[in-house]
Every structure is written in structure tokens, then in C-alpha cells.
């Protein structure tokens, strides 16, 4: 959904990549936006002023003005970007799956301002405002690694914690984190301060995304 809830945005994952924008009330097609090859996730900046489309086949991110539907710019990132994940610090964090890295986009400047080399394939990236930590899931090793900015977008590994096989999406609610473990069919409940799993919840097969409803 668009930030104001009036539109539904979805990508068409093929070589001639497009994003379709629908009216959320009657589901009529409003716009078709040309992006890069094999677009995956469509997300929005925290302030709602920009939309981001990760083009896995082009190794780029398309930045779009949600109001006008015009493409603002296209940015080169790492190999096979899948999602651009928002934060409260004016940055978008892009998980480059084949590149084993995170690209950092400055929302205001429309530029890539840093890269975090992980050494593993990222599944998801989530920024926790209070701790200042960036959590990145590691599906192949069933864990989450967390980083701190040492200044000038120089993010360093601060620690890691085991959750479950296929660790993927991360959602924060205050000092609690929830991580979906796709291969374990579970959700881990984690204390952010202590970085410990307080509970493991059995769910259905291959849980992917997770949303907190307040």
C-alpha cells in the first residue's frame, strides 16, 4: 500500500520490468511505471516521499515519486537486490542477495552512500531506532547479525544470535524483535537489549514476511 493507503503498488517480475499502481478502493489500474529487469520488492521511505523498486536483473534500485509516479533516478547497487528496507534515520538499506552485501541509500540525496560487506547472503535488513543497530538475517546459517554505525556510514559487526533455519523477515515492536524462520516453520521472539531468544513460536510452513499491527 502507498503511505496514504489509497493505492496498491506491485511489481511485474520479468525482463521488461514494470510496477503497476492500482486504486485501493475499486482495484482499477491507475499507472504503469517502467523500471529495471526483474523487479522484486516495492517499498516506501519512512516519510512517504519516495518509492523504491529493487531490480534484481539490473542490479539497480529505481526511485519513484509516489505523487507524480515519475522516476526520480536509478541507482547502481550490489548483485541481485531484492528489497529496500526503511529506517528512521533517512536511509534505505538494500539487501543484495547474490552480492552478499547491503547498499545504503540516502533518501534526501538520492545517492548510495555506503556498502556493508556481509560474507553471507542477506534475507532482510531492519533498523532498530533505540539501539541504533541494523539487524540483517542470515538464512543459510539460521541467525541474525547486527551492526553499528561507527560514523560516516561505516557499519561494523557488533554481534550475532541464532534464531532458526532460514531466518528471514525481521519486525521490531519496542524492545522486542520477531524473526520468521522459513525452514524451521517458526517465529523467534527476541529481546533486543540482551540479544536473546525468549520464545519460539511454531507457525505454518515457510513463514516469509511479518507485520506488527499497533
N, C-alpha and C. Protein backbone atom coordinates (compact mmCIF):
# COMPACT_ATOMS: atom_id res chain seq x y z
N UNK A 1 0.83 -1.21 0.00
CA UNK A 1 0.00 0.00 0.00
C UNK A 1 0.86 1.26 0.00
N UNK A 2 0.37 2.31 -0.66
CA UNK A 2 1.03 3.60 -0.61
C UNK A 2 0.92 4.14 0.82
N UNK A 3 1.77 5.10 1.20
CA UNK A 3 1.74 5.63 2.57
C UNK A 3 0.38 6.16 3.00
N UNK A 4 -0.40 6.71 2.07
CA UNK A 4 -1.71 7.23 2.45
C UNK A 4 -2.81 6.17 2.36
N UNK A 5 -2.47 4.97 1.96
CA UNK A 5 -3.43 3.86 1.93
C UNK A 5 -4.39 3.85 0.77
N UNK A 6 -4.20 4.75 -0.20
CA UNK A 6 -5.17 4.86 -1.30
C UNK A 6 -4.77 4.03 -2.52
N UNK A 7 -3.53 3.53 -2.54
CA UNK A 7 -3.05 2.82 -3.72
C UNK A 7 -2.36 1.51 -3.34
N UNK A 8 -2.39 0.57 -4.26
CA UNK A 8 -1.65 -0.68 -4.13
C UNK A 8 -0.59 -0.72 -5.22
N UNK A 9 0.66 -0.90 -4.82
CA UNK A 9 1.78 -0.95 -5.77
C UNK A 9 2.32 -2.38 -5.82
N UNK A 10 2.53 -2.90 -7.03
CA UNK A 10 3.08 -4.24 -7.17
C UNK A 10 3.99 -4.31 -8.39
N UNK A 11 5.06 -5.08 -8.29
CA UNK A 11 5.99 -5.21 -9.41
C UNK A 11 5.61 -6.38 -10.29
N UNK A 12 6.04 -6.30 -11.55
CA UNK A 12 5.90 -7.39 -12.52
C UNK A 12 7.31 -7.92 -12.77
N UNK A 13 7.60 -9.10 -12.22
CA UNK A 13 8.97 -9.60 -12.19
C UNK A 13 9.33 -10.29 -13.50
N UNK A 14 9.71 -9.50 -14.50
CA UNK A 14 10.15 -10.04 -15.78
C UNK A 14 11.21 -9.12 -16.37
N UNK A 15 11.73 -9.49 -17.54
CA UNK A 15 12.83 -8.73 -18.14
C UNK A 15 12.44 -7.28 -18.43
N UNK A 16 11.21 -7.08 -18.90
CA UNK A 16 10.71 -5.72 -19.11
C UNK A 16 9.98 -5.29 -17.85
N UNK A 17 10.74 -4.95 -16.84
CA UNK A 17 10.18 -4.72 -15.52
C UNK A 17 9.25 -3.52 -15.46
N UNK A 18 8.12 -3.71 -14.80
CA UNK A 18 7.18 -2.62 -14.57
C UNK A 18 6.63 -2.69 -13.16
N UNK A 19 6.11 -1.58 -12.71
CA UNK A 19 5.37 -1.50 -11.45
C UNK A 19 3.96 -1.04 -11.79
N UNK A 20 2.97 -1.76 -11.29
CA UNK A 20 1.58 -1.40 -11.51
C UNK A 20 1.03 -0.75 -10.26
N UNK A 21 0.30 0.35 -10.45
CA UNK A 21 -0.32 1.07 -9.34
C UNK A 21 -1.83 0.99 -9.49
N UNK A 22 -2.50 0.45 -8.46
CA UNK A 22 -3.95 0.26 -8.50
C UNK A 22 -4.64 1.16 -7.48
N UNK A 23 -5.87 1.54 -7.79
CA UNK A 23 -6.72 2.23 -6.82
C UNK A 23 -7.13 1.23 -5.75
N UNK A 24 -6.86 1.54 -4.49
CA UNK A 24 -7.15 0.60 -3.41
C UNK A 24 -8.63 0.46 -3.12
N UNK A 25 -9.46 1.36 -3.64
CA UNK A 25 -10.90 1.29 -3.39
C UNK A 25 -11.62 0.40 -4.39
N UNK A 26 -11.32 0.58 -5.69
CA UNK A 26 -12.03 -0.21 -6.70
C UNK A 26 -11.11 -1.12 -7.51
N UNK A 27 -9.81 -1.12 -7.19
CA UNK A 27 -8.80 -2.00 -7.81
C UNK A 27 -8.60 -1.72 -9.30
N UNK A 28 -8.94 -0.54 -9.74
CA UNK A 28 -8.69 -0.17 -11.13
C UNK A 28 -7.22 0.23 -11.29
N UNK A 29 -6.65 -0.07 -12.47
CA UNK A 29 -5.26 0.26 -12.75
C UNK A 29 -5.12 1.76 -13.01
N UNK A 30 -4.24 2.41 -12.26
CA UNK A 30 -4.03 3.84 -12.40
C UNK A 30 -2.78 4.18 -13.20
N UNK A 31 -1.69 3.44 -12.96
CA UNK A 31 -0.41 3.77 -13.59
C UNK A 31 0.40 2.51 -13.87
N UNK A 32 1.20 2.58 -14.91
CA UNK A 32 2.21 1.57 -15.20
C UNK A 32 3.55 2.29 -15.30
N UNK A 33 4.51 1.89 -14.46
CA UNK A 33 5.80 2.58 -14.38
C UNK A 33 6.90 1.63 -14.83
N UNK A 34 7.68 2.04 -15.80
CA UNK A 34 8.80 1.23 -16.27
C UNK A 34 9.98 1.34 -15.32
N UNK A 35 10.51 0.17 -14.93
CA UNK A 35 11.66 0.15 -14.02
C UNK A 35 12.75 -0.72 -14.66
N UNK A 36 13.54 -1.44 -13.86
CA UNK A 36 14.61 -2.28 -14.39
C UNK A 36 14.16 -3.72 -14.59
N UNK A 37 15.11 -4.60 -14.84
CA UNK A 37 14.81 -6.00 -15.09
C UNK A 37 14.52 -6.75 -13.78
N UNK A 38 13.52 -7.61 -13.85
CA UNK A 38 13.15 -8.50 -12.73
C UNK A 38 12.98 -7.75 -11.41
N UNK A 39 12.09 -6.77 -11.37
CA UNK A 39 11.87 -6.05 -10.12
C UNK A 39 11.21 -6.94 -9.07
N UNK A 40 11.64 -6.79 -7.82
CA UNK A 40 11.10 -7.60 -6.73
C UNK A 40 10.25 -6.73 -5.80
N UNK A 41 10.80 -6.40 -4.63
CA UNK A 41 10.03 -5.66 -3.64
C UNK A 41 9.83 -4.20 -4.02
N UNK A 42 8.64 -3.67 -3.64
CA UNK A 42 8.35 -2.24 -3.75
C UNK A 42 8.13 -1.72 -2.33
N UNK A 43 8.91 -0.74 -1.91
CA UNK A 43 8.79 -0.20 -0.56
C UNK A 43 8.81 1.32 -0.62
N UNK A 44 8.54 1.95 0.53
CA UNK A 44 8.48 3.41 0.60
C UNK A 44 9.38 3.93 1.72
N UNK A 45 9.90 5.13 1.54
CA UNK A 45 10.69 5.77 2.59
C UNK A 45 9.80 6.05 3.78
N UNK A 46 10.43 6.25 4.93
CA UNK A 46 9.67 6.47 6.17
C UNK A 46 8.78 7.70 6.09
N UNK A 47 9.22 8.73 5.35
CA UNK A 47 8.41 9.94 5.24
C UNK A 47 7.40 9.87 4.10
N UNK A 48 7.40 8.78 3.34
CA UNK A 48 6.41 8.58 2.29
C UNK A 48 6.65 9.36 1.02
N UNK A 49 7.79 10.02 0.91
CA UNK A 49 8.03 10.87 -0.25
C UNK A 49 8.63 10.13 -1.44
N UNK A 50 9.11 8.90 -1.23
CA UNK A 50 9.75 8.17 -2.31
C UNK A 50 9.42 6.68 -2.24
N UNK A 51 9.31 6.07 -3.41
CA UNK A 51 9.12 4.63 -3.52
C UNK A 51 10.40 4.03 -4.11
N UNK A 52 10.69 2.81 -3.68
CA UNK A 52 11.92 2.14 -4.11
C UNK A 52 11.59 0.78 -4.69
N UNK A 53 12.15 0.50 -5.86
CA UNK A 53 11.94 -0.79 -6.52
C UNK A 53 13.30 -1.42 -6.76
N UNK A 54 13.51 -2.61 -6.22
CA UNK A 54 14.77 -3.32 -6.41
C UNK A 54 14.71 -4.18 -7.66
N UNK A 55 15.60 -3.90 -8.60
CA UNK A 55 15.63 -4.60 -9.88
C UNK A 55 16.74 -5.65 -9.87
N UNK A 56 16.37 -6.88 -9.54
CA UNK A 56 17.36 -7.94 -9.38
C UNK A 56 18.15 -8.24 -10.63
N UNK A 57 17.51 -8.14 -11.80
CA UNK A 57 18.19 -8.43 -13.05
C UNK A 57 19.09 -7.32 -13.55
N UNK A 58 18.90 -6.12 -13.03
CA UNK A 58 19.70 -4.96 -13.46
C UNK A 58 20.71 -4.52 -12.41
N UNK A 59 20.61 -5.08 -11.20
CA UNK A 59 21.46 -4.67 -10.09
C UNK A 59 21.31 -3.18 -9.80
N UNK A 60 20.05 -2.73 -9.85
CA UNK A 60 19.76 -1.32 -9.63
C UNK A 60 18.55 -1.17 -8.71
N UNK A 61 18.36 0.05 -8.22
CA UNK A 61 17.16 0.44 -7.49
C UNK A 61 16.56 1.65 -8.18
N UNK A 62 15.28 1.56 -8.54
CA UNK A 62 14.56 2.68 -9.14
C UNK A 62 13.88 3.47 -8.04
N UNK A 63 14.09 4.79 -8.04
CA UNK A 63 13.48 5.67 -7.05
C UNK A 63 12.36 6.44 -7.74
N UNK A 64 11.15 6.41 -7.16
CA UNK A 64 9.96 6.97 -7.80
C UNK A 64 9.29 7.98 -6.87
N UNK A 65 8.75 9.03 -7.46
CA UNK A 65 7.92 9.98 -6.73
C UNK A 65 6.51 9.41 -6.63
N UNK A 66 6.03 9.04 -5.44
CA UNK A 66 4.71 8.42 -5.32
C UNK A 66 3.56 9.32 -5.76
N UNK A 67 3.74 10.62 -5.65
CA UNK A 67 2.66 11.54 -6.01
C UNK A 67 2.50 11.66 -7.52
N UNK A 68 3.62 11.83 -8.24
CA UNK A 68 3.57 12.03 -9.68
C UNK A 68 3.77 10.75 -10.47
N UNK A 69 4.28 9.70 -9.81
CA UNK A 69 4.62 8.41 -10.44
C UNK A 69 5.80 8.54 -11.40
N UNK A 70 6.54 9.63 -11.32
CA UNK A 70 7.71 9.83 -12.17
C UNK A 70 8.94 9.19 -11.54
N UNK A 71 9.80 8.60 -12.38
CA UNK A 71 11.06 8.05 -11.90
C UNK A 71 12.02 9.20 -11.59
N UNK A 72 12.51 9.24 -10.36
CA UNK A 72 13.44 10.29 -9.94
C UNK A 72 14.86 9.97 -10.40
N UNK A 73 15.27 8.73 -10.15
CA UNK A 73 16.61 8.30 -10.54
C UNK A 73 16.69 6.78 -10.46
N UNK A 74 17.73 6.24 -11.05
CA UNK A 74 18.02 4.80 -10.93
C UNK A 74 19.44 4.67 -10.41
N UNK A 75 19.61 3.91 -9.32
CA UNK A 75 20.90 3.81 -8.64
C UNK A 75 21.50 2.42 -8.79
N UNK A 76 22.79 2.36 -9.06
CA UNK A 76 23.51 1.09 -9.11
C UNK A 76 23.80 0.62 -7.68
N UNK A 77 23.50 -0.65 -7.42
CA UNK A 77 23.77 -1.22 -6.10
C UNK A 77 24.54 -2.53 -6.28
N UNK A 78 24.38 -3.49 -5.35
CA UNK A 78 25.08 -4.76 -5.47
C UNK A 78 24.33 -5.75 -6.35
N UNK A 79 24.84 -6.97 -6.39
CA UNK A 79 24.26 -8.01 -7.25
C UNK A 79 22.95 -8.54 -6.66
N UNK A 80 21.92 -8.57 -7.49
CA UNK A 80 20.62 -9.14 -7.16
C UNK A 80 19.97 -8.48 -5.94
N UNK A 81 19.69 -7.18 -6.02
CA UNK A 81 18.97 -6.54 -4.91
C UNK A 81 17.52 -7.03 -4.87
N UNK A 82 17.02 -7.26 -3.67
CA UNK A 82 15.66 -7.80 -3.51
C UNK A 82 14.73 -6.80 -2.83
N UNK A 83 15.16 -6.19 -1.75
CA UNK A 83 14.28 -5.26 -1.04
C UNK A 83 15.04 -4.05 -0.52
N UNK A 84 14.38 -2.89 -0.52
CA UNK A 84 14.92 -1.68 0.09
C UNK A 84 14.15 -1.45 1.39
N UNK A 85 14.83 -1.53 2.50
CA UNK A 85 14.15 -1.52 3.80
C UNK A 85 14.38 -0.19 4.50
N UNK A 86 13.30 0.36 5.02
CA UNK A 86 13.30 1.72 5.53
C UNK A 86 13.91 1.82 6.93
N UNK A 87 14.14 3.06 7.35
CA UNK A 87 14.66 3.31 8.69
C UNK A 87 14.20 4.69 9.14
N UNK A 88 14.49 4.99 10.40
CA UNK A 88 14.12 6.29 10.97
C UNK A 88 15.24 7.31 10.83
N UNK A 89 16.32 6.96 10.14
CA UNK A 89 17.48 7.84 10.06
C UNK A 89 17.72 8.35 8.64
N UNK A 90 16.68 8.32 7.81
CA UNK A 90 16.80 8.86 6.46
C UNK A 90 17.61 8.00 5.52
N UNK A 91 17.71 6.71 5.81
CA UNK A 91 18.44 5.78 4.97
C UNK A 91 17.53 4.62 4.57
N UNK A 92 17.81 4.05 3.38
CA UNK A 92 17.20 2.81 2.95
C UNK A 92 18.31 1.77 2.85
N UNK A 93 18.03 0.57 3.36
CA UNK A 93 19.03 -0.49 3.37
C UNK A 93 18.61 -1.58 2.38
N UNK A 94 19.44 -1.83 1.38
CA UNK A 94 19.10 -2.74 0.29
C UNK A 94 19.85 -4.06 0.48
N UNK A 95 19.10 -5.17 0.51
CA UNK A 95 19.75 -6.47 0.63
C UNK A 95 20.08 -7.01 -0.76
N UNK A 96 21.38 -7.11 -1.04
CA UNK A 96 21.87 -7.64 -2.30
C UNK A 96 22.19 -9.12 -2.10
N UNK A 97 21.29 -9.99 -2.52
CA UNK A 97 21.42 -11.41 -2.18
C UNK A 97 22.65 -12.06 -2.81
N UNK A 98 22.82 -11.93 -4.12
CA UNK A 98 23.98 -12.54 -4.77
C UNK A 98 25.27 -11.80 -4.43
N UNK A 99 25.15 -10.53 -4.09
CA UNK A 99 26.32 -9.73 -3.75
C UNK A 99 26.79 -9.88 -2.32
N UNK A 100 25.97 -10.58 -1.49
CA UNK A 100 26.32 -10.76 -0.07
C UNK A 100 26.64 -9.42 0.61
N UNK A 101 25.78 -8.44 0.35
CA UNK A 101 26.06 -7.12 0.88
C UNK A 101 24.77 -6.34 1.11
N UNK A 102 24.92 -5.20 1.79
CA UNK A 102 23.85 -4.24 2.00
C UNK A 102 24.31 -2.91 1.42
N UNK A 103 23.53 -2.35 0.49
CA UNK A 103 23.80 -1.00 -0.02
C UNK A 103 22.97 -0.01 0.80
N UNK A 104 23.55 1.15 1.07
CA UNK A 104 22.89 2.18 1.88
C UNK A 104 22.56 3.37 0.99
N UNK A 105 21.28 3.71 0.89
CA UNK A 105 20.84 4.85 0.10
C UNK A 105 20.42 5.98 1.03
N UNK A 106 20.92 7.18 0.75
CA UNK A 106 20.48 8.38 1.46
C UNK A 106 19.21 8.88 0.79
N UNK A 107 18.11 8.93 1.55
CA UNK A 107 16.81 9.28 0.99
C UNK A 107 16.80 10.71 0.44
N UNK A 108 17.34 11.64 1.18
CA UNK A 108 17.31 13.05 0.76
C UNK A 108 18.19 13.30 -0.46
N UNK A 109 19.36 12.67 -0.49
CA UNK A 109 20.33 12.95 -1.55
C UNK A 109 20.14 12.08 -2.78
N UNK A 110 19.38 11.00 -2.66
CA UNK A 110 19.19 10.05 -3.79
C UNK A 110 20.52 9.49 -4.27
N UNK A 111 21.36 9.11 -3.32
CA UNK A 111 22.66 8.55 -3.65
C UNK A 111 22.96 7.34 -2.77
N UNK A 112 23.82 6.45 -3.29
CA UNK A 112 24.33 5.34 -2.49
C UNK A 112 25.51 5.86 -1.68
N UNK A 113 25.42 5.78 -0.36
CA UNK A 113 26.44 6.40 0.49
C UNK A 113 27.31 5.38 1.22
N UNK A 114 27.04 4.10 1.01
CA UNK A 114 27.87 3.10 1.68
C UNK A 114 27.46 1.69 1.32
N UNK A 115 28.36 0.75 1.62
CA UNK A 115 28.10 -0.67 1.40
C UNK A 115 28.61 -1.45 2.60
N UNK A 116 27.79 -2.37 3.07
CA UNK A 116 28.20 -3.28 4.14
C UNK A 116 28.47 -4.63 3.51
N UNK A 117 29.72 -5.09 3.53
CA UNK A 117 30.07 -6.41 3.02
C UNK A 117 29.84 -7.43 4.13
N UNK A 118 28.96 -8.39 3.87
CA UNK A 118 28.48 -9.28 4.91
C UNK A 118 29.26 -10.59 5.01
N UNK A 119 29.57 -11.19 3.87
CA UNK A 119 30.15 -12.52 3.89
C UNK A 119 29.10 -13.61 3.94
N UNK A 120 27.84 -13.23 3.81
CA UNK A 120 26.73 -14.18 3.73
C UNK A 120 25.60 -13.55 2.93
N UNK A 121 24.66 -14.39 2.47
CA UNK A 121 23.53 -13.88 1.71
C UNK A 121 22.49 -13.29 2.66
N UNK A 122 22.15 -12.02 2.50
CA UNK A 122 21.15 -11.42 3.39
C UNK A 122 19.73 -11.81 3.00
N UNK A 123 18.88 -11.95 4.02
CA UNK A 123 17.47 -12.20 3.76
C UNK A 123 16.63 -10.96 3.95
N UNK A 124 17.04 -10.10 4.88
CA UNK A 124 16.25 -8.93 5.24
C UNK A 124 17.14 -8.03 6.09
N UNK A 125 16.85 -6.73 6.09
CA UNK A 125 17.57 -5.77 6.93
C UNK A 125 16.57 -4.89 7.65
N UNK A 126 16.76 -4.71 8.95
CA UNK A 126 15.84 -3.90 9.75
C UNK A 126 16.63 -3.04 10.74
N UNK A 127 16.30 -1.75 10.80
CA UNK A 127 16.99 -0.82 11.68
C UNK A 127 16.17 -0.61 12.95
N UNK A 128 16.83 -0.74 14.11
CA UNK A 128 16.17 -0.52 15.40
C UNK A 128 16.60 0.85 15.93
N UNK A 129 15.63 1.75 16.05
CA UNK A 129 15.93 3.14 16.35
C UNK A 129 16.60 3.34 17.70
N UNK A 130 16.08 2.72 18.74
CA UNK A 130 16.60 2.97 20.10
C UNK A 130 18.03 2.48 20.28
N UNK A 131 18.33 1.31 19.75
CA UNK A 131 19.67 0.76 19.92
C UNK A 131 20.65 1.25 18.86
N UNK A 132 20.09 1.76 17.74
CA UNK A 132 20.95 2.18 16.64
C UNK A 132 21.56 1.02 15.88
N UNK A 133 20.99 -0.15 16.05
CA UNK A 133 21.53 -1.35 15.41
C UNK A 133 20.80 -1.67 14.10
N UNK A 134 21.55 -2.15 13.14
CA UNK A 134 20.99 -2.69 11.91
C UNK A 134 21.07 -4.21 12.00
N UNK A 135 19.90 -4.86 11.97
CA UNK A 135 19.84 -6.32 12.04
C UNK A 135 19.69 -6.87 10.63
N UNK A 136 20.49 -7.86 10.29
CA UNK A 136 20.45 -8.50 8.97
C UNK A 136 20.31 -10.00 9.17
N UNK A 137 19.28 -10.58 8.57
CA UNK A 137 19.08 -12.02 8.73
C UNK A 137 19.99 -12.79 7.77
N UNK A 138 20.41 -13.97 8.24
CA UNK A 138 21.32 -14.86 7.52
C UNK A 138 20.60 -16.20 7.35
N UNK A 139 19.83 -16.36 6.27
CA UNK A 139 19.01 -17.56 6.11
C UNK A 139 19.81 -18.86 6.08
N UNK A 140 20.96 -18.84 5.40
CA UNK A 140 21.73 -20.08 5.23
C UNK A 140 22.30 -20.61 6.54
N UNK A 141 22.51 -19.71 7.50
CA UNK A 141 23.10 -20.13 8.78
C UNK A 141 22.14 -20.00 9.95
N UNK A 142 20.90 -19.62 9.67
CA UNK A 142 19.87 -19.58 10.71
C UNK A 142 20.15 -18.61 11.84
N UNK A 143 20.60 -17.41 11.48
CA UNK A 143 20.91 -16.45 12.53
C UNK A 143 20.69 -15.02 12.05
N UNK A 144 20.84 -14.08 12.97
CA UNK A 144 20.77 -12.64 12.67
C UNK A 144 22.07 -12.01 13.14
N UNK A 145 22.66 -11.21 12.28
CA UNK A 145 23.86 -10.44 12.62
C UNK A 145 23.47 -8.98 12.75
N UNK A 146 24.00 -8.31 13.78
CA UNK A 146 23.65 -6.90 13.98
C UNK A 146 24.90 -6.02 13.92
N UNK A 147 24.69 -4.81 13.37
CA UNK A 147 25.77 -3.89 13.08
C UNK A 147 25.51 -2.53 13.73
N UNK A 148 26.59 -1.79 13.99
CA UNK A 148 26.52 -0.42 14.48
C UNK A 148 27.29 0.50 13.55
N UNK A 149 26.77 1.71 13.36
CA UNK A 149 27.44 2.71 12.53
C UNK A 149 28.53 3.38 13.35
N UNK A 150 29.77 3.20 12.92
CA UNK A 150 30.90 3.80 13.63
C UNK A 150 31.18 5.22 13.16
N UNK A 151 30.31 5.71 12.25
CA UNK A 151 30.47 7.05 11.71
C UNK A 151 30.70 7.03 10.22
N UNK A 152 30.10 7.98 9.52
CA UNK A 152 30.26 8.11 8.06
C UNK A 152 29.81 6.86 7.33
N UNK A 153 28.72 6.25 7.81
CA UNK A 153 28.14 5.05 7.20
C UNK A 153 29.12 3.88 7.16
N UNK A 154 30.00 3.82 8.16
CA UNK A 154 30.92 2.70 8.32
C UNK A 154 30.35 1.74 9.35
N UNK A 155 29.56 0.79 8.86
CA UNK A 155 28.86 -0.13 9.76
C UNK A 155 29.73 -1.34 10.07
N UNK A 156 29.89 -1.61 11.36
CA UNK A 156 30.73 -2.72 11.80
C UNK A 156 29.89 -3.77 12.53
N UNK A 157 30.27 -5.02 12.37
CA UNK A 157 29.56 -6.11 13.05
C UNK A 157 29.70 -5.95 14.55
N UNK A 158 28.53 -6.05 15.25
CA UNK A 158 28.51 -5.88 16.70
C UNK A 158 28.21 -7.20 17.41
N UNK A 159 27.63 -8.15 16.68
CA UNK A 159 27.33 -9.45 17.28
C UNK A 159 26.37 -10.23 16.41
N UNK A 160 25.98 -11.40 16.88
CA UNK A 160 25.03 -12.24 16.16
C UNK A 160 24.28 -13.13 17.14
N UNK A 161 23.13 -13.62 16.71
CA UNK A 161 22.34 -14.52 17.53
C UNK A 161 21.66 -15.55 16.65
N UNK A 162 21.56 -16.77 17.16
CA UNK A 162 20.92 -17.86 16.43
C UNK A 162 19.41 -17.78 16.62
N UNK A 163 18.66 -17.94 15.53
CA UNK A 163 17.20 -17.95 15.62
C UNK A 163 16.65 -19.28 15.13
N UNK A 164 16.73 -19.54 13.83
CA UNK A 164 16.24 -20.80 13.29
C UNK A 164 16.59 -20.91 11.82
N UNK A 165 16.48 -22.11 11.28
CA UNK A 165 16.84 -22.34 9.88
C UNK A 165 16.03 -21.45 8.95
N UNK A 166 16.72 -20.82 8.02
CA UNK A 166 16.03 -19.95 7.06
C UNK A 166 15.59 -18.63 7.65
N UNK A 167 16.34 -18.10 8.63
CA UNK A 167 15.98 -16.80 9.23
C UNK A 167 15.74 -15.77 8.15
N UNK A 168 14.62 -15.05 8.26
CA UNK A 168 14.27 -14.17 7.14
C UNK A 168 13.79 -12.80 7.63
N UNK A 169 12.48 -12.56 7.65
CA UNK A 169 11.96 -11.22 7.94
C UNK A 169 12.14 -10.85 9.41
N UNK A 170 12.32 -9.55 9.64
CA UNK A 170 12.53 -9.02 10.99
C UNK A 170 11.57 -7.86 11.21
N UNK A 171 10.87 -7.87 12.35
CA UNK A 171 9.99 -6.76 12.71
C UNK A 171 10.22 -6.41 14.18
N UNK A 172 10.30 -5.11 14.47
CA UNK A 172 10.51 -4.64 15.83
C UNK A 172 9.22 -4.07 16.40
N UNK A 173 9.01 -4.33 17.69
CA UNK A 173 7.93 -3.70 18.46
C UNK A 173 8.53 -3.31 19.80
N UNK A 174 8.98 -2.06 19.90
CA UNK A 174 9.66 -1.64 21.10
C UNK A 174 10.97 -2.40 21.26
N UNK A 175 11.15 -3.04 22.40
CA UNK A 175 12.38 -3.77 22.69
C UNK A 175 12.28 -5.25 22.32
N UNK A 176 11.27 -5.59 21.54
CA UNK A 176 11.08 -6.98 21.12
C UNK A 176 11.20 -7.08 19.60
N UNK A 177 11.92 -8.11 19.15
CA UNK A 177 12.05 -8.39 17.73
C UNK A 177 11.38 -9.72 17.41
N UNK A 178 10.82 -9.80 16.22
CA UNK A 178 10.21 -11.04 15.74
C UNK A 178 10.89 -11.42 14.43
N UNK A 179 11.38 -12.65 14.34
CA UNK A 179 12.08 -13.12 13.15
C UNK A 179 11.40 -14.38 12.63
N UNK A 180 11.04 -14.37 11.34
CA UNK A 180 10.47 -15.58 10.73
C UNK A 180 11.59 -16.50 10.29
N UNK A 181 11.46 -17.78 10.60
CA UNK A 181 12.44 -18.79 10.22
C UNK A 181 11.79 -19.73 9.22
N UNK A 182 12.07 -19.50 7.93
CA UNK A 182 11.33 -20.17 6.86
C UNK A 182 11.49 -21.69 6.88
N UNK A 183 12.69 -22.18 7.09
CA UNK A 183 12.91 -23.62 7.04
C UNK A 183 12.54 -24.32 8.34
N UNK A 184 12.47 -23.56 9.42
CA UNK A 184 12.11 -24.15 10.73
C UNK A 184 10.62 -24.06 11.00
N UNK A 185 9.90 -23.30 10.17
CA UNK A 185 8.46 -23.09 10.35
C UNK A 185 8.14 -22.48 11.72
N UNK A 186 8.96 -21.50 12.10
CA UNK A 186 8.80 -20.87 13.41
C UNK A 186 9.00 -19.36 13.32
N UNK A 187 8.62 -18.68 14.41
CA UNK A 187 8.94 -17.26 14.61
C UNK A 187 9.68 -17.15 15.94
N UNK A 188 10.85 -16.51 15.91
CA UNK A 188 11.63 -16.29 17.13
C UNK A 188 11.26 -14.93 17.73
N UNK A 189 11.04 -14.91 19.04
CA UNK A 189 10.79 -13.68 19.78
C UNK A 189 12.08 -13.34 20.53
N UNK A 190 12.63 -12.16 20.25
CA UNK A 190 13.96 -11.82 20.74
C UNK A 190 13.94 -10.54 21.56
N UNK A 191 14.65 -10.54 22.69
CA UNK A 191 14.87 -9.33 23.48
C UNK A 191 15.99 -8.54 22.82
N UNK A 192 15.70 -7.31 22.38
CA UNK A 192 16.68 -6.53 21.62
C UNK A 192 17.89 -6.17 22.46
N UNK A 193 17.69 -5.82 23.73
CA UNK A 193 18.81 -5.40 24.58
C UNK A 193 19.77 -6.53 24.86
N UNK A 194 19.24 -7.69 25.24
CA UNK A 194 20.09 -8.82 25.60
C UNK A 194 20.47 -9.70 24.42
N UNK A 195 19.79 -9.49 23.28
CA UNK A 195 20.02 -10.29 22.08
C UNK A 195 19.83 -11.78 22.36
N UNK A 196 18.78 -12.09 23.10
CA UNK A 196 18.47 -13.49 23.42
C UNK A 196 17.06 -13.83 22.97
N UNK A 197 16.88 -15.08 22.55
CA UNK A 197 15.56 -15.57 22.15
C UNK A 197 14.78 -15.93 23.41
N UNK A 198 13.63 -15.26 23.60
CA UNK A 198 12.81 -15.52 24.78
C UNK A 198 11.73 -16.57 24.51
N UNK A 199 11.38 -16.74 23.23
CA UNK A 199 10.33 -17.70 22.90
C UNK A 199 10.42 -18.06 21.42
N UNK A 200 10.05 -19.29 21.12
CA UNK A 200 9.96 -19.74 19.73
C UNK A 200 8.54 -20.22 19.47
N UNK A 201 7.91 -19.63 18.46
CA UNK A 201 6.50 -19.92 18.17
C UNK A 201 6.41 -20.77 16.91
N UNK A 202 5.74 -21.90 17.00
CA UNK A 202 5.51 -22.74 15.83
C UNK A 202 4.39 -22.12 14.99
N UNK A 203 4.65 -22.00 13.69
CA UNK A 203 3.64 -21.43 12.78
C UNK A 203 3.48 -22.37 11.59
N UNK A 204 2.92 -21.87 10.50
CA UNK A 204 2.73 -22.69 9.30
C UNK A 204 4.03 -22.86 8.53
N UNK A 205 3.92 -23.50 7.38
CA UNK A 205 5.11 -23.79 6.58
C UNK A 205 5.69 -22.53 5.93
N UNK A 206 6.98 -22.45 5.99
CA UNK A 206 7.79 -21.41 5.33
C UNK A 206 7.26 -19.99 5.57
N UNK A 207 7.22 -19.52 6.81
CA UNK A 207 6.80 -18.14 7.09
C UNK A 207 7.76 -17.14 6.44
N UNK A 208 7.19 -16.17 5.76
CA UNK A 208 8.01 -15.22 5.00
C UNK A 208 8.02 -13.86 5.68
N UNK A 209 7.07 -13.00 5.38
CA UNK A 209 7.02 -11.67 5.98
C UNK A 209 6.34 -11.66 7.32
N UNK A 210 6.52 -10.56 8.04
CA UNK A 210 5.82 -10.37 9.32
C UNK A 210 5.55 -8.88 9.51
N UNK A 211 4.34 -8.57 10.01
CA UNK A 211 3.92 -7.17 10.19
C UNK A 211 3.40 -7.01 11.61
N UNK A 212 3.76 -5.90 12.24
CA UNK A 212 3.25 -5.58 13.57
C UNK A 212 2.05 -4.64 13.42
N UNK A 213 0.91 -5.04 13.96
CA UNK A 213 -0.27 -4.18 13.95
C UNK A 213 -0.42 -3.54 15.31
N UNK A 214 -0.30 -2.22 15.35
CA UNK A 214 -0.37 -1.50 16.63
C UNK A 214 -1.77 -1.01 16.92
